[in-house]
C-alpha atoms as a PDB file:
ATOM      1  CA  MET A   1       0.000   0.000   0.000  1.00  0.00           C
ATOM      2  CA  GLU A   2       2.113   2.862  -1.300  1.00  0.00           C
ATOM      3  CA  TYR A   3      -0.210   5.606  -0.059  1.00  0.00           C
ATOM      4  CA  ALA A   4      -0.251   4.272   3.493  1.00  0.00           C
ATOM      5  CA  GLY A   5       3.532   4.429   3.527  1.00  0.00           C
ATOM      6  CA  HIS A   6       3.293   8.203   3.224  1.00  0.00           C
ATOM      7  CA  ASN A   7       0.208   9.025   5.222  1.00  0.00           C
ATOM      8  CA  LEU A   8      -0.317   6.551   8.034  1.00  0.00           C
ATOM      9  CA  ARG A   9      -0.383   8.293  11.359  1.00  0.00           C
ATOM     10  CA  LEU A  10       3.050   7.055  12.352  1.00  0.00           C
ATOM     11  CA  GLY A  11       4.882  10.389  12.458  1.00  0.00           C
ATOM     12  CA  ASP A  12       7.183  12.108  10.006  1.00  0.00           C
ATOM     13  CA  PRO A  13      10.404  10.097  10.516  1.00  0.00           C
ATOM     14  CA  LEU A  14       9.053   7.031   8.742  1.00  0.00           C
ATOM     15  CA  GLY A  15       7.815   9.039   5.803  1.00  0.00           C
ATOM     16  CA  HIS A  16      11.049  11.035   5.571  1.00  0.00           C
ATOM     17  CA  ARG A  17      13.180   7.887   5.690  1.00  0.00           C
ATOM     18  CA  TYR A  18      11.038   6.423   2.904  1.00  0.00           C
ATOM     19  CA  ARG A  19      11.518   9.568   0.818  1.00  0.00           C
ATOM     20  CA  VAL A  20      15.281   9.475   1.413  1.00  0.00           C
ATOM     21  CA  LEU A  21      15.386   5.876   0.176  1.00  0.00           C
ATOM     22  CA  SER A  22      13.505   6.790  -2.965  1.00  0.00           C
ATOM     23  CA  ARG A  23      15.613   9.849  -3.719  1.00  0.00           C
ATOM     24  CA  ARG A  24      18.820   7.941  -3.182  1.00  0.00           C
ATOM     25  CA  HIS A  25      17.683   5.587  -5.913  1.00  0.00           C
ATOM     26  CA  GLY A  26      17.015   8.421  -8.333  1.00  0.00           C
ATOM     27  CA  ILE A  27      13.262   8.758  -8.684  1.00  0.00           C
ATOM     28  CA  ALA A  28      12.507  11.874 -10.662  1.00  0.00           C
ATOM     29  CA  ARG A  29      10.132  14.520  -9.362  1.00  0.00           C
ATOM     30  CA  PRO A  30       6.855  14.610 -11.304  1.00  0.00           C
ATOM     31  CA  PRO A  31       5.215  17.806 -12.529  1.00  0.00           C
ATOM     32  CA  SER A  32       3.826  19.387  -9.386  1.00  0.00           C
ATOM     33  CA  ALA A  33       2.720  22.940 -10.080  1.00  0.00           C
ATOM     34  CA  GLY A  34      -0.436  23.558  -8.122  1.00  0.00           C
ATOM     35  CA  LEU A  35      -0.386  20.155  -6.421  1.00  0.00           C
ATOM     36  CA  PRO A  36      -0.042  19.408  -2.700  1.00  0.00           C
ATOM     37  CA  GLN A  37       3.523  18.436  -1.798  1.00  0.00           C
ATOM     38  CA  ALA A  38       2.377  15.070  -0.420  1.00  0.00           C
ATOM     39  CA  LEU A  39       0.960  14.033  -3.800  1.00  0.00           C
ATOM     40  CA  SER A  40       4.035  15.288  -5.655  1.00  0.00           C
ATOM     41  CA  ASP A  41       6.299  13.291  -3.338  1.00  0.00           C
ATOM     42  CA  GLY A  42       4.028  10.270  -3.496  1.00  0.00           C
ATOM     43  CA  ALA A  43       4.161   9.984  -7.277  1.00  0.00           C
ATOM     44  CA  ARG A  44       7.944   9.768  -7.058  1.00  0.00           C
ATOM     45  CA  ASP A  45       8.527   7.863  -3.876  1.00  0.00           C
ATOM     46  CA  HIS A  46       6.310   4.825  -4.212  1.00  0.00           C
ATOM     47  CA  ARG A  47       8.257   2.967  -6.845  1.00  0.00           C
ATOM     48  CA  ARG A  48      11.786   2.057  -5.971  1.00  0.00           C
ATOM     49  CA  PRO A  49      11.641   0.196  -2.637  1.00  0.00           C
ATOM     50  CA  ARG A  50       8.845  -2.036  -3.917  1.00  0.00           C
ATOM     51  CA  ALA A  51      10.701  -2.780  -7.163  1.00  0.00           C
ATOM     52  CA  ILE A  52      13.826  -3.730  -5.238  1.00  0.00           C
ATOM     53  CA  VAL A  53      11.841  -6.215  -3.144  1.00  0.00           C
ATOM     54  CA  ILE A  54      10.389  -7.713  -6.354  1.00  0.00           C
ATOM     55  CA  ILE A  55      13.900  -8.146  -7.752  1.00  0.00           C
ATOM     56  CA  ALA A  56      15.114  -9.772  -4.535  1.00  0.00           C
ATOM     57  CA  ILE A  57      12.225 -12.245  -4.454  1.00  0.00           C
ATOM     58  CA  PHE A  58      11.664 -13.174  -8.085  1.00  0.00           C
ATOM     59  CA  TYR A  59      15.106 -12.762  -9.661  1.00  0.00           C
ATOM     60  CA  THR A  60      17.224 -14.696  -7.176  1.00  0.00           C
ATOM     61  CA  GLU A  61      18.286 -17.932  -8.857  1.00  0.00           C
ATOM     62  CA  GLU A  62      20.548 -19.570  -6.256  1.00  0.00           C
ATOM     63  CA  LEU A  63      21.226 -18.799  -2.613  1.00  0.00           C
ATOM     64  CA  SER A  64      24.496 -19.147  -0.726  1.00  0.00           C
ATOM     65  CA  TRP A  65      23.305 -19.655   2.828  1.00  0.00           C
ATOM     66  CA  VAL A  66      26.746 -19.019   4.307  1.00  0.00           C
ATOM     67  CA  SER A  67      26.985 -15.603   2.639  1.00  0.00           C
ATOM     68  CA  LEU A  68      23.392 -14.880   3.574  1.00  0.00           C
ATOM     69  CA  ASP A  69      24.125 -15.684   7.232  1.00  0.00           C
ATOM     70  CA  VAL A  70      27.092 -13.299   7.220  1.00  0.00           C
ATOM     71  CA  ALA A  71      24.909 -10.616   5.602  1.00  0.00           C
ATOM     72  CA  LEU A  72      22.309 -11.076   8.348  1.00  0.00           C
ATOM     73  CA  ALA A  73      25.058 -10.755  10.947  1.00  0.00           C
ATOM     74  CA  THR A  74      26.168  -7.449   9.426  1.00  0.00           C
ATOM     75  CA  LEU A  75      22.552  -6.283   9.549  1.00  0.00           C
ATOM     76  CA  ALA A  76      22.597  -7.025  13.263  1.00  0.00           C
ATOM     77  CA  VAL A  77      25.777  -4.955  13.617  1.00  0.00           C
ATOM     78  CA  LEU A  78      24.094  -2.047  11.818  1.00  0.00           C
ATOM     79  CA  ALA A  79      21.115  -2.311  14.153  1.00  0.00           C
ATOM     80  CA  ILE A  80      23.423  -2.293  17.175  1.00  0.00           C
ATOM     81  CA  LEU A  81      25.204   0.807  15.884  1.00  0.00           C
ATOM     82  CA  ASN A  82      21.858   2.531  15.471  1.00  0.00           C
ATOM     83  CA  LEU A  83      20.562   1.550  18.891  1.00  0.00           C
ATOM     84  CA  ALA A  84      23.853   2.573  20.493  1.00  0.00           C
ATOM     85  CA  GLY A  85      23.425   6.065  19.091  1.00  0.00           C
ATOM     86  CA  VAL A  86      26.484   6.000  16.839  1.00  0.00           C
ATOM     87  CA  ARG A  87      26.204   9.055  14.595  1.00  0.00           C
ATOM     88  CA  ARG A  88      29.429   8.921  12.570  1.00  0.00           C
ATOM     89  CA  VAL A  89      28.386   7.799   9.099  1.00  0.00           C
ATOM     90  CA  ILE A  90      31.777   6.223   8.336  1.00  0.00           C
ATOM     91  CA  TRP A  91      31.031   3.271  10.623  1.00  0.00           C
ATOM     92  CA  TYR A  92      27.782   2.557   8.794  1.00  0.00           C
ATOM     93  CA  VAL A  93      29.567   2.826   5.456  1.00  0.00           C
ATOM     94  CA  LEU A  94      32.278   0.354   6.468  1.00  0.00           C
ATOM     95  CA  VAL A  95      29.788  -2.200   7.747  1.00  0.00           C
ATOM     96  CA  GLY A  96      27.586  -1.490   4.713  1.00  0.00           C
ATOM     97  CA  LEU A  97      30.411  -2.398   2.354  1.00  0.00           C
ATOM     98  CA  VAL A  98      30.744  -5.773   4.071  1.00  0.00           C
ATOM     99  CA  LEU A  99      26.964  -6.175   3.835  1.00  0.00           C
ATOM    100  CA  TRP A 100      27.000  -5.363   0.119  1.00  0.00           C
ATOM    101  CA  VAL A 101      29.733  -7.916  -0.627  1.00  0.00           C
ATOM    102  CA  PHE A 102      27.985 -10.777   1.154  1.00  0.00           C
ATOM    103  CA  VAL A 103      24.533  -9.920  -0.180  1.00  0.00           C
ATOM    104  CA  LEU A 104      26.074 -10.022  -3.656  1.00  0.00           C
ATOM    105  CA  LYS A 105      27.758 -13.347  -2.904  1.00  0.00           C
ATOM    106  CA  SER A 106      24.539 -14.774  -1.432  1.00  0.00           C
ATOM    107  CA  GLY A 107      22.721 -14.578  -4.759  1.00  0.00           C
ATOM    108  CA  VAL A 108      20.232 -11.915  -3.630  1.00  0.00           C
ATOM    109  CA  HIS A 109      20.418  -8.756  -5.710  1.00  0.00           C
ATOM    110  CA  ALA A 110      22.918  -6.445  -4.031  1.00  0.00           C
ATOM    111  CA  THR A 111      20.646  -3.395  -4.396  1.00  0.00           C
ATOM    112  CA  LEU A 112      18.817  -4.677  -1.345  1.00  0.00           C
ATOM    113  CA  ALA A 113      21.949  -4.024   0.725  1.00  0.00           C
ATOM    114  CA  GLY A 114      21.721  -0.299  -0.032  1.00  0.00           C
ATOM    115  CA  VAL A 115      18.129  -0.191   1.189  1.00  0.00           C
ATOM    116  CA  ALA A 116      19.045  -2.002   4.406  1.00  0.00           C
ATOM    117  CA  LEU A 117      21.978   0.350   4.991  1.00  0.00           C
ATOM    118  CA  ALA A 118      19.783   3.437   4.538  1.00  0.00           C
ATOM    119  CA  LEU A 119      17.265   2.049   7.009  1.00  0.00           C
ATOM    120  CA  ALA A 120      20.018   1.616   9.591  1.00  0.00           C
ATOM    121  CA  ILE A 121      21.520   5.124   9.448  1.00  0.00           C
ATOM    122  CA  PRO A 122      20.046   7.277  12.255  1.00  0.00           C
ATOM    123  CA  LEU A 123      17.380   9.768  11.289  1.00  0.00           C
ATOM    124  CA  LYS A 124      16.940  11.469  14.636  1.00  0.00           C
ATOM    125  CA  GLY A 125      19.002  14.613  15.034  1.00  0.00           C
ATOM    126  CA  ASN A 126      19.703  17.251  17.621  1.00  0.00           C
ATOM    127  CA  PRO A 127      19.355  21.032  17.515  1.00  0.00           C
ATOM    128  CA  ALA A 128      23.062  21.486  16.766  1.00  0.00           C
ATOM    129  CA  GLU A 129      23.249  19.430  13.547  1.00  0.00           C
ATOM    130  CA  ASP A 130      21.234  17.638  10.903  1.00  0.00           C
ATOM    131  CA  PRO A 131      20.469  13.932  11.322  1.00  0.00           C
ATOM    132  CA  PRO A 132      23.086  11.611   9.768  1.00  0.00           C
ATOM    133  CA  LEU A 133      20.666  10.247   7.178  1.00  0.00           C
ATOM    134  CA  THR A 134      19.739  13.759   6.062  1.00  0.00           C
ATOM    135  CA  ARG A 135      23.425  14.660   5.681  1.00  0.00           C
ATOM    136  CA  VAL A 136      24.001  11.547   3.589  1.00  0.00           C
ATOM    137  CA  GLU A 137      21.040  12.461   1.406  1.00  0.00           C
ATOM    138  CA  HIS A 138      22.352  15.957   0.734  1.00  0.00           C
ATOM    139  CA  GLU A 139      25.894  14.764   0.057  1.00  0.00           C
ATOM    140  CA  LEU A 140      24.832  12.026  -2.358  1.00  0.00           C
ATOM    141  CA  ALA A 141      22.212  14.061  -4.228  1.00  0.00           C
ATOM    142  CA  PRO A 142      24.511  15.652  -6.864  1.00  0.00           C
ATOM    143  CA  TRP A 143      26.382  12.380  -7.456  1.00  0.00           C
ATOM    144  CA  VAL A 144      23.116  10.536  -8.048  1.00  0.00           C
ATOM    145  CA  ALA A 145      21.492  13.242 -10.164  1.00  0.00           C
ATOM    146  CA  PHE A 146      24.470  14.111 -12.368  1.00  0.00           C
ATOM    147  CA  GLY A 147      26.516  10.916 -12.340  1.00  0.00           C
ATOM    148  CA  ILE A 148      24.838   7.647 -11.412  1.00  0.00           C
ATOM    149  CA  LEU A 149      21.484   8.181 -13.122  1.00  0.00           C
ATOM    150  CA  PRO A 150      22.887   9.471 -16.442  1.00  0.00           C
ATOM    151  CA  LEU A 151      25.308   6.537 -16.561  1.00  0.00           C
ATOM    152  CA  PHE A 152      22.500   4.105 -15.788  1.00  0.00           C
ATOM    153  CA  GLY A 153      20.300   5.621 -18.468  1.00  0.00           C
ATOM    154  CA  PHE A 154      23.106   5.599 -21.022  1.00  0.00           C
ATOM    155  CA  ALA A 155      23.843   1.931 -20.329  1.00  0.00           C
ATOM    156  CA  ASN A 156      20.294   0.617 -20.132  1.00  0.00           C
ATOM    157  CA  ALA A 157      17.981   2.735 -22.277  1.00  0.00           C
ATOM    158  CA  GLY A 158      19.586   2.236 -25.670  1.00  0.00           C
ATOM    159  CA  LEU A 159      16.945   1.422 -28.273  1.00  0.00           C
ATOM    160  CA  SER A 160      17.426   1.467 -32.032  1.00  0.00           C
ATOM    161  CA  PHE A 161      14.255   2.017 -34.027  1.00  0.00           C
ATOM    162  CA  ALA A 162      15.995   1.047 -37.255  1.00  0.00           C
ATOM    163  CA  GLU A 163      15.098  -2.635 -36.864  1.00  0.00           C
ATOM    164  CA  LEU A 164      11.668  -2.055 -35.292  1.00  0.00           C
ATOM    165  CA  PRO A 165       8.804  -1.599 -37.779  1.00  0.00           C
ATOM    166  CA  PRO A 166       5.716   0.363 -36.638  1.00  0.00           C
ATOM    167  CA  SER A 167       3.880  -2.930 -36.236  1.00  0.00           C
ATOM    168  CA  SER A 168       6.178  -3.695 -33.285  1.00  0.00           C
ATOM    169  CA  LEU A 169       3.958  -1.462 -31.144  1.00  0.00           C
ATOM    170  CA  LEU A 170       1.139  -3.975 -31.543  1.00  0.00           C
ATOM    171  CA  GLU A 171       3.139  -7.013 -30.458  1.00  0.00           C
ATOM    172  CA  PRO A 172       2.162  -8.685 -27.167  1.00  0.00           C
ATOM    173  CA  VAL A 173       5.280  -7.758 -25.162  1.00  0.00           C
ATOM    174  CA  PRO A 174       5.293  -3.959 -25.699  1.00  0.00           C
ATOM    175  CA  LEU A 175       1.505  -3.808 -25.327  1.00  0.00           C
ATOM    176  CA  ALA A 176       1.649  -5.757 -22.073  1.00  0.00           C
ATOM    177  CA  VAL A 177       4.467  -3.633 -20.660  1.00  0.00           C
ATOM    178  CA  ALA A 178       2.772  -0.379 -21.685  1.00  0.00           C
ATOM    179  CA  ALA A 179      -0.575  -1.517 -20.267  1.00  0.00           C
ATOM    180  CA  GLY A 180       1.074  -2.507 -17.009  1.00  0.00           C
ATOM    181  CA  LEU A 181       2.564   0.963 -16.635  1.00  0.00           C
ATOM    182  CA  LEU A 182      -0.430   2.985 -17.857  1.00  0.00           C
ATOM    183  CA  LEU A 183      -3.314   0.941 -16.437  1.00  0.00           C
ATOM    184  CA  GLY A 184      -1.843  -1.344 -13.808  1.00  0.00           C
ATOM    185  CA  LYS A 185      -0.074   1.397 -11.891  1.00  0.00           C
ATOM    186  CA  GLN A 186      -3.052   3.743 -11.689  1.00  0.00           C
ATOM    187  CA  ILE A 187      -5.424   0.941 -10.689  1.00  0.00           C
ATOM    188  CA  GLY A 188      -3.088  -0.301  -7.971  1.00  0.00           C
ATOM    189  CA  VAL A 189      -2.075   3.078  -6.566  1.00  0.00           C
ATOM    190  CA  PHE A 190      -5.478   4.775  -6.723  1.00  0.00           C
ATOM    191  CA  GLY A 191      -7.265   1.645  -5.542  1.00  0.00           C
ATOM    192  CA  SER A 192      -4.967   1.131  -2.550  1.00  0.00           C
ATOM    193  CA  ALA A 193      -5.170   4.839  -1.696  1.00  0.00           C
ATOM    194  CA  GLY A 194      -8.938   4.734  -1.807  1.00  0.00           C
ATOM    195  CA  LEU A 195      -8.972   1.670   0.407  1.00  0.00           C
ATOM    196  CA  VAL A 196      -6.729   3.031   3.144  1.00  0.00           C
ATOM    197  CA  ILE A 197      -8.425   6.443   3.134  1.00  0.00           C
ATOM    198  CA  GLY A 198     -11.902   4.954   3.094  1.00  0.00           C
ATOM    199  CA  ARG A 199     -11.050   2.629   5.978  1.00  0.00           C
ATOM    200  CA  GLY A 200      -9.611   5.484   8.013  1.00  0.00           C
ATOM    201  CA  TRP A 201      -6.072   4.117   8.019  1.00  0.00           C
ATOM    202  CA  ALA A 202      -4.733   7.239   6.284  1.00  0.00           C
ATOM    203  CA  GLU A 203      -5.885  10.754   5.510  1.00  0.00           C
ATOM    204  CA  MET A 204      -6.124  12.677   2.286  1.00  0.00           C
ATOM    205  CA  PRO A 205      -3.311  15.268   2.141  1.00  0.00           C
ATOM    206  CA  ASN A 206      -4.346  18.817   2.887  1.00  0.00           C
ATOM    207  CA  SER A 207      -5.604  20.740  -0.169  1.00  0.00           C
ATOM    208  CA  ALA A 208      -5.813  17.536  -2.201  1.00  0.00           C
ATOM    209  CA  SER A 209      -8.810  16.090  -4.037  1.00  0.00           C
ATOM    210  CA  TRP A 210      -9.721  12.708  -5.425  1.00  0.00           C
ATOM    211  CA  ALA A 211      -9.160  14.009  -8.957  1.00  0.00           C
ATOM    212  CA  ALA A 212      -5.663  15.212  -8.064  1.00  0.00           C
ATOM    213  CA  LEU A 213      -4.927  11.876  -6.390  1.00  0.00           C
ATOM    214  CA  TYR A 214      -6.115  10.030  -9.491  1.00  0.00           C
ATOM    215  CA  GLY A 215      -3.958  12.147 -11.780  1.00  0.00           C
ATOM    216  CA  THR A 216      -0.974  11.526  -9.513  1.00  0.00           C
ATOM    217  CA  SER A 217      -1.629   7.787  -9.622  1.00  0.00           C
ATOM    218  CA  ILE A 218      -1.465   7.918 -13.430  1.00  0.00           C
ATOM    219  CA  LEU A 219       1.941   9.605 -13.227  1.00  0.00           C
ATOM    220  CA  THR A 220       3.281   6.648 -11.238  1.00  0.00           C
ATOM    221  CA  GLY A 221       3.185   4.748 -14.540  1.00  0.00           C
ATOM    222  CA  ILE A 222       6.206   6.737 -15.715  1.00  0.00           C
ATOM    223  CA  GLY A 223       8.805   4.022 -15.473  1.00  0.00           C
ATOM    224  CA  PHE A 224      12.434   4.250 -16.427  1.00  0.00           C
ATOM    225  CA  THR A 225      15.251   2.962 -14.262  1.00  0.00           C
ATOM    226  CA  MET A 226      13.536   0.087 -12.480  1.00  0.00           C
ATOM    227  CA  SER A 227      11.191  -0.742 -15.356  1.00  0.00           C
ATOM    228  CA  LEU A 228      14.164  -1.139 -17.681  1.00  0.00           C
ATOM    229  CA  PHE A 229      16.136  -2.941 -14.993  1.00  0.00           C
ATOM    230  CA  ILE A 230      13.446  -5.526 -14.263  1.00  0.00           C
ATOM    231  CA  GLY A 231      12.660  -5.854 -17.973  1.00  0.00           C
ATOM    232  CA  THR A 232      16.303  -6.543 -18.723  1.00  0.00           C
ATOM    233  CA  LEU A 233      16.399  -9.218 -16.038  1.00  0.00           C
ATOM    234  CA  ALA A 234      13.284 -10.817 -17.530  1.00  0.00           C
ATOM    235  CA  PHE A 235      14.012 -10.466 -21.266  1.00  0.00           C
ATOM    236  CA  GLY A 236      17.742  -9.839 -21.425  1.00  0.00           C
ATOM    237  CA  GLU A 237      19.625 -11.626 -24.207  1.00  0.00           C
ATOM    238  CA  SER A 238      16.375 -12.608 -25.943  1.00  0.00           C
ATOM    239  CA  ASN A 239      14.480 -11.462 -29.004  1.00  0.00           C
ATOM    240  CA  TYR A 240      12.058  -9.560 -26.788  1.00  0.00           C
ATOM    241  CA  GLU A 241      14.512  -7.153 -25.147  1.00  0.00           C
ATOM    242  CA  ALA A 242      14.109  -4.400 -27.750  1.00  0.00           C
ATOM    243  CA  THR A 243      10.314  -4.597 -27.766  1.00  0.00           C
ATOM    244  CA  MET A 244      10.333  -4.584 -23.954  1.00  0.00           C
ATOM    245  CA  ARG A 245      12.201  -1.289 -23.991  1.00  0.00           C
ATOM    246  CA  LEU A 246       9.756   0.012 -26.563  1.00  0.00           C
ATOM    247  CA  GLY A 247       6.900  -0.904 -24.224  1.00  0.00           C
ATOM    248  CA  VAL A 248       8.546   0.931 -21.320  1.00  0.00           C
ATOM    249  CA  LEU A 249       8.973   4.078 -23.417  1.00  0.00           C
ATOM    250  CA  LEU A 250       5.411   3.842 -24.755  1.00  0.00           C
ATOM    251  CA  GLY A 251       3.826   3.229 -21.350  1.00  0.00           C
ATOM    252  CA  SER A 252       5.890   5.965 -19.715  1.00  0.00           C
ATOM    253  CA  ALA A 253       5.050   8.488 -22.421  1.00  0.00           C
ATOM    254  CA  LEU A 254       1.329   7.731 -22.274  1.00  0.00           C
ATOM    255  CA  SER A 255       1.338   7.875 -18.462  1.00  0.00           C
ATOM    256  CA  GLY A 256       3.081  11.237 -18.528  1.00  0.00           C
ATOM    257  CA  ILE A 257       0.763  12.706 -21.153  1.00  0.00           C
ATOM    258  CA  VAL A 258      -2.491  11.417 -19.641  1.00  0.00           C
ATOM    259  CA  GLY A 259      -1.424  12.170 -16.061  1.00  0.00           C
ATOM    260  CA  ALA A 260      -0.331  15.695 -16.927  1.00  0.00           C
ATOM    261  CA  ALA A 261      -3.607  16.292 -18.771  1.00  0.00           C
ATOM    262  CA  VAL A 262      -5.703  15.099 -15.822  1.00  0.00           C
ATOM    263  CA  LEU A 263      -3.706  17.149 -13.323  1.00  0.00           C
ATOM    264  CA  GLY A 264      -3.750  20.198 -15.571  1.00  0.00           C
ATOM    265  CA  PHE A 265      -7.534  20.000 -15.809  1.00  0.00           C
ATOM    266  CA  THR A 266      -7.768  19.446 -12.052  1.00  0.00           C
ATOM    267  CA  VAL A 267      -5.667  22.491 -11.231  1.00  0.00           C
ATOM    268  CA  ARG A 268      -7.473  24.703 -13.725  1.00  0.00           C
ATOM    269  CA  ALA A 269     -10.846  23.587 -12.417  1.00  0.00           C
ATOM    270  CA  GLY A 270      -9.803  24.473  -8.899  1.00  0.00           C
ATOM    271  CA  GLU A 271     -10.327  20.960  -7.570  1.00  0.00           C
ATOM    272  CA  SER A 272      -7.075  21.178  -5.620  1.00  0.00           C
ATOM    273  CA  ALA A 273      -8.436  24.052  -3.505  1.00  0.00           C
ATOM    274  CA  PRO A 274      -8.540  23.492   0.295  1.00  0.00           C
ATOM    275  CA  ARG A 275     -11.372  21.242   1.327  1.00  0.00           C
ATOM    276  CA  SER A 276     -12.896  20.257   4.606  1.00  0.00           C
ATOM    277  CA  GLN A 277     -10.845  18.069   6.893  1.00  0.00           C
ATOM    278  CA  SER A 278     -13.529  15.407   7.180  1.00  0.00           C
ATOM    279  CA  ARG A 279     -12.581  11.980   5.949  1.00  0.00           C
ATOM    280  CA  PRO A 280     -13.854  11.207   2.429  1.00  0.00           C
ATOM    281  CA  ALA A 281     -16.403   8.432   2.218  1.00  0.00           C
ATOM    282  CA  PHE A 282     -14.623   6.608  -0.592  1.00  0.00           C
ATOM    283  CA  GLY A 283     -16.003   3.150  -1.245  1.00  0.00           C
ATOM    284  CA  LYS A 284     -18.896   3.461   1.213  1.00  0.00           C
END
């Protein structure tokens, strides 16, 4: 339930830590003019942690239990450092490197080690300085935005249209990928949001409307890094890799166009104006 991850009444630290995780993995900010900040953040932040879990579960071929045991032991060390109040980031980085090596050796995708490390770095600060996790976020931001993401895109998004006739758009693989991004994402995100809000487990962000939430859910279909990454794992070195990439580009483009149109209409119509604080009766 992506929406609950942002809006459950559990306090800001959980939501901020979740946003830090997403930003560290390079999720782009969606168009947000006139939208509540919570919806703008939500369109970006919901994707990466879930995709990493999917990779860890479904794309692990063989497990080395010895390496996995060592990785779990390093997780325990990270937890001890956190509970002991250690605030020097270097200690988390050193243990995190060991964690990354043994997660890689275990057969589980090593990206999961980065998520675990970010969860272990302290978020609580004091009046004299920023929390360690916030400092890490600020220090890594330019490297991610101007180095890691461009390199990832350059290495993974290459698609030559020379060998793809227009009829390729109507093949099953690109249609399925595009439909998953355009339709599947909005159904899942908007449906789960409606469920948790309707049940009273979360609240609609201030100044937000159902139309704005729906438009934001469409924007979550803009997939790039993780869509290409998972698609490459599934179709890599096969005849379907090129059409898979075509489906990602098609689904992302349609999600961006339709989502921007819905949100543009919503903002112009004034549906994002402040509303009453009563809980919407969605699904009743």
